[in-house]
Amino acid sequence: MLSTGFFIFVWDNDSHDWMKKGPRYEINQVLNHKNLAPSAIILFHNDANDTPITLRPILEGLIEKGFEIVPISELIHRENFTIDHTGRQRLN
């Protein structure tokens, strides 16, 4: 945690929603990303055109693959951790 009380975390999987390549591309980008793994953080942007269309199939696809959708607060370690070279928190 920073002295300001904020936590820093890094995303693992960019949905590429900002590229505006269409729903099929965005869904494929998320569900088949090389960094898709437990505790992965997927980046979406507030102003992306296709994300409102793609979010349901993406969430359903993640659940079908066995992933659980949780709020970021459940992934943040609040004490006794270090941050590795990828920006991930690791418990000590």
C-alpha atoms as a PDB file:
ATOM      1  CA  MET A   1       0.000   0.000   0.000  1.00  0.00           C
ATOM      2  CA  LEU A   2       1.219   3.478  -0.798  1.00  0.00           C
ATOM      3  CA  SER A   3       1.500   6.079   1.940  1.00  0.00           C
ATOM      4  CA  THR A   4      -1.643   7.648   0.456  1.00  0.00           C
ATOM      5  CA  GLY A   5      -3.645   4.533   1.344  1.00  0.00           C
ATOM      6  CA  PHE A   6      -3.996   3.430  -2.287  1.00  0.00           C
ATOM      7  CA  PHE A   7      -2.989   0.067  -3.712  1.00  0.00           C
ATOM      8  CA  ILE A   8      -1.369  -0.338  -7.109  1.00  0.00           C
ATOM      9  CA  PHE A   9      -2.226  -3.298  -9.288  1.00  0.00           C
ATOM     10  CA  VAL A  10      -1.460  -4.205 -12.885  1.00  0.00           C
ATOM     11  CA  TRP A  11      -3.790  -5.819 -15.410  1.00  0.00           C
ATOM     12  CA  ASP A  12      -2.826  -9.110 -17.087  1.00  0.00           C
ATOM     13  CA  ASN A  13      -5.148  -9.162 -20.065  1.00  0.00           C
ATOM     14  CA  ASP A  14      -5.999  -6.150 -22.242  1.00  0.00           C
ATOM     15  CA  SER A  15      -9.396  -6.645 -23.878  1.00  0.00           C
ATOM     16  CA  HIS A  16      -8.302  -4.327 -26.714  1.00  0.00           C
ATOM     17  CA  ASP A  17     -11.741  -2.733 -26.491  1.00  0.00           C
ATOM     18  CA  TRP A  18     -10.090   0.595 -27.332  1.00  0.00           C
ATOM     19  CA  MET A  19      -9.061  -0.771 -30.751  1.00  0.00           C
ATOM     20  CA  LYS A  20     -12.693  -0.915 -31.916  1.00  0.00           C
ATOM     21  CA  LYS A  21     -12.170  -4.153 -33.884  1.00  0.00           C
ATOM     22  CA  GLY A  22     -15.633  -5.482 -33.078  1.00  0.00           C
ATOM     23  CA  PRO A  23     -17.275  -7.768 -30.540  1.00  0.00           C
ATOM     24  CA  ARG A  24     -15.897 -11.047 -31.914  1.00  0.00           C
ATOM     25  CA  TYR A  25     -12.321  -9.758 -31.718  1.00  0.00           C
ATOM     26  CA  GLU A  26     -12.782  -8.457 -28.164  1.00  0.00           C
ATOM     27  CA  ILE A  27     -14.334 -11.724 -26.936  1.00  0.00           C
ATOM     28  CA  ASN A  28     -11.535 -13.764 -28.496  1.00  0.00           C
ATOM     29  CA  GLN A  29      -8.888 -11.421 -27.109  1.00  0.00           C
ATOM     30  CA  VAL A  30     -10.098 -11.967 -23.542  1.00  0.00           C
ATOM     31  CA  LEU A  31     -11.057 -15.649 -23.602  1.00  0.00           C
ATOM     32  CA  ASN A  32      -7.942 -16.829 -25.442  1.00  0.00           C
ATOM     33  CA  HIS A  33      -5.353 -14.462 -24.008  1.00  0.00           C
ATOM     34  CA  LYS A  34      -2.003 -16.026 -23.076  1.00  0.00           C
ATOM     35  CA  ASN A  35      -2.180 -14.451 -19.588  1.00  0.00           C
ATOM     36  CA  LEU A  36      -5.644 -15.742 -18.739  1.00  0.00           C
ATOM     37  CA  ALA A  37      -5.102 -17.522 -15.425  1.00  0.00           C
ATOM     38  CA  PRO A  38      -6.442 -17.568 -11.868  1.00  0.00           C
ATOM     39  CA  SER A  39      -6.289 -14.057 -10.338  1.00  0.00           C
ATOM     40  CA  ALA A  40      -5.945 -12.470 -13.782  1.00  0.00           C
ATOM     41  CA  ILE A  41      -7.084  -8.866 -14.017  1.00  0.00           C
ATOM     42  CA  ILE A  42      -8.786  -8.000 -17.309  1.00  0.00           C
ATOM     43  CA  LEU A  43      -8.634  -4.411 -18.541  1.00  0.00           C
ATOM     44  CA  PHE A  44     -11.760  -2.771 -19.978  1.00  0.00           C
ATOM     45  CA  HIS A  45     -12.299   0.933 -20.648  1.00  0.00           C
ATOM     46  CA  ASN A  46     -15.325   3.020 -19.654  1.00  0.00           C
ATOM     47  CA  ASP A  47     -15.905   4.482 -23.096  1.00  0.00           C
ATOM     48  CA  ALA A  48     -15.454   1.370 -25.258  1.00  0.00           C
ATOM     49  CA  ASN A  49     -18.171   0.895 -27.870  1.00  0.00           C
ATOM     50  CA  ASP A  50     -18.427  -2.897 -27.917  1.00  0.00           C
ATOM     51  CA  THR A  51     -17.885  -3.797 -24.261  1.00  0.00           C
ATOM     52  CA  PRO A  52     -21.598  -3.499 -23.326  1.00  0.00           C
ATOM     53  CA  ILE A  53     -22.268  -6.105 -26.047  1.00  0.00           C
ATOM     54  CA  THR A  54     -19.301  -8.351 -25.268  1.00  0.00           C
ATOM     55  CA  LEU A  55     -19.345  -8.353 -21.484  1.00  0.00           C
ATOM     56  CA  ARG A  56     -22.030 -11.048 -21.080  1.00  0.00           C
ATOM     57  CA  PRO A  57     -20.394 -13.554 -23.494  1.00  0.00           C
ATOM     58  CA  ILE A  58     -16.999 -12.841 -21.938  1.00  0.00           C
ATOM     59  CA  LEU A  59     -18.263 -13.443 -18.400  1.00  0.00           C
ATOM     60  CA  GLU A  60     -20.118 -16.589 -19.485  1.00  0.00           C
ATOM     61  CA  GLY A  61     -16.993 -17.821 -21.297  1.00  0.00           C
ATOM     62  CA  LEU A  62     -14.817 -17.218 -18.246  1.00  0.00           C
ATOM     63  CA  ILE A  63     -17.266 -19.094 -16.021  1.00  0.00           C
ATOM     64  CA  GLU A  64     -17.403 -21.977 -18.545  1.00  0.00           C
ATOM     65  CA  LYS A  65     -13.590 -22.150 -18.317  1.00  0.00           C
ATOM     66  CA  GLY A  66     -13.896 -22.536 -14.549  1.00  0.00           C
ATOM     67  CA  PHE A  67     -13.026 -18.999 -13.477  1.00  0.00           C
ATOM     68  CA  GLU A  68     -14.808 -17.188 -10.679  1.00  0.00           C
ATOM     69  CA  ILE A  69     -15.559 -13.490 -11.116  1.00  0.00           C
ATOM     70  CA  VAL A  70     -14.626 -11.513  -7.985  1.00  0.00           C
ATOM     71  CA  PRO A  71     -14.173  -7.840  -7.124  1.00  0.00           C
ATOM     72  CA  ILE A  72     -10.616  -6.539  -7.240  1.00  0.00           C
ATOM     73  CA  SER A  73     -10.756  -6.047  -3.472  1.00  0.00           C
ATOM     74  CA  GLU A  74     -10.621  -9.839  -3.076  1.00  0.00           C
ATOM     75  CA  LEU A  75      -7.356 -10.013  -5.033  1.00  0.00           C
ATOM     76  CA  ILE A  76      -5.481  -7.316  -3.129  1.00  0.00           C
ATOM     77  CA  HIS A  77      -3.170  -8.417  -0.329  1.00  0.00           C
ATOM     78  CA  ARG A  78      -3.261  -5.745   2.352  1.00  0.00           C
ATOM     79  CA  GLU A  79      -0.154  -6.734   4.302  1.00  0.00           C
ATOM     80  CA  ASN A  80       2.902  -8.998   4.236  1.00  0.00           C
ATOM     81  CA  PHE A  81       3.437  -8.901   0.463  1.00  0.00           C
ATOM     82  CA  THR A  82       5.992  -7.874  -2.124  1.00  0.00           C
ATOM     83  CA  ILE A  83       5.462  -6.808  -5.716  1.00  0.00           C
ATOM     84  CA  ASP A  84       7.303  -8.855  -8.326  1.00  0.00           C
ATOM     85  CA  HIS A  85       8.763  -7.767 -11.676  1.00  0.00           C
ATOM     86  CA  THR A  86       5.379  -8.197 -13.395  1.00  0.00           C
ATOM     87  CA  GLY A  87       3.623  -5.863 -10.955  1.00  0.00           C
ATOM     88  CA  ARG A  88       1.843  -8.716  -9.158  1.00  0.00           C
ATOM     89  CA  GLN A  89       1.495  -8.835  -5.417  1.00  0.00           C
ATOM     90  CA  ARG A  90       3.044 -11.947  -3.867  1.00  0.00           C
ATOM     91  CA  LEU A  91       2.503 -12.976  -0.266  1.00  0.00           C
ATOM     92  CA  ASN A  92       5.714 -13.214   1.758  1.00  0.00           C
END
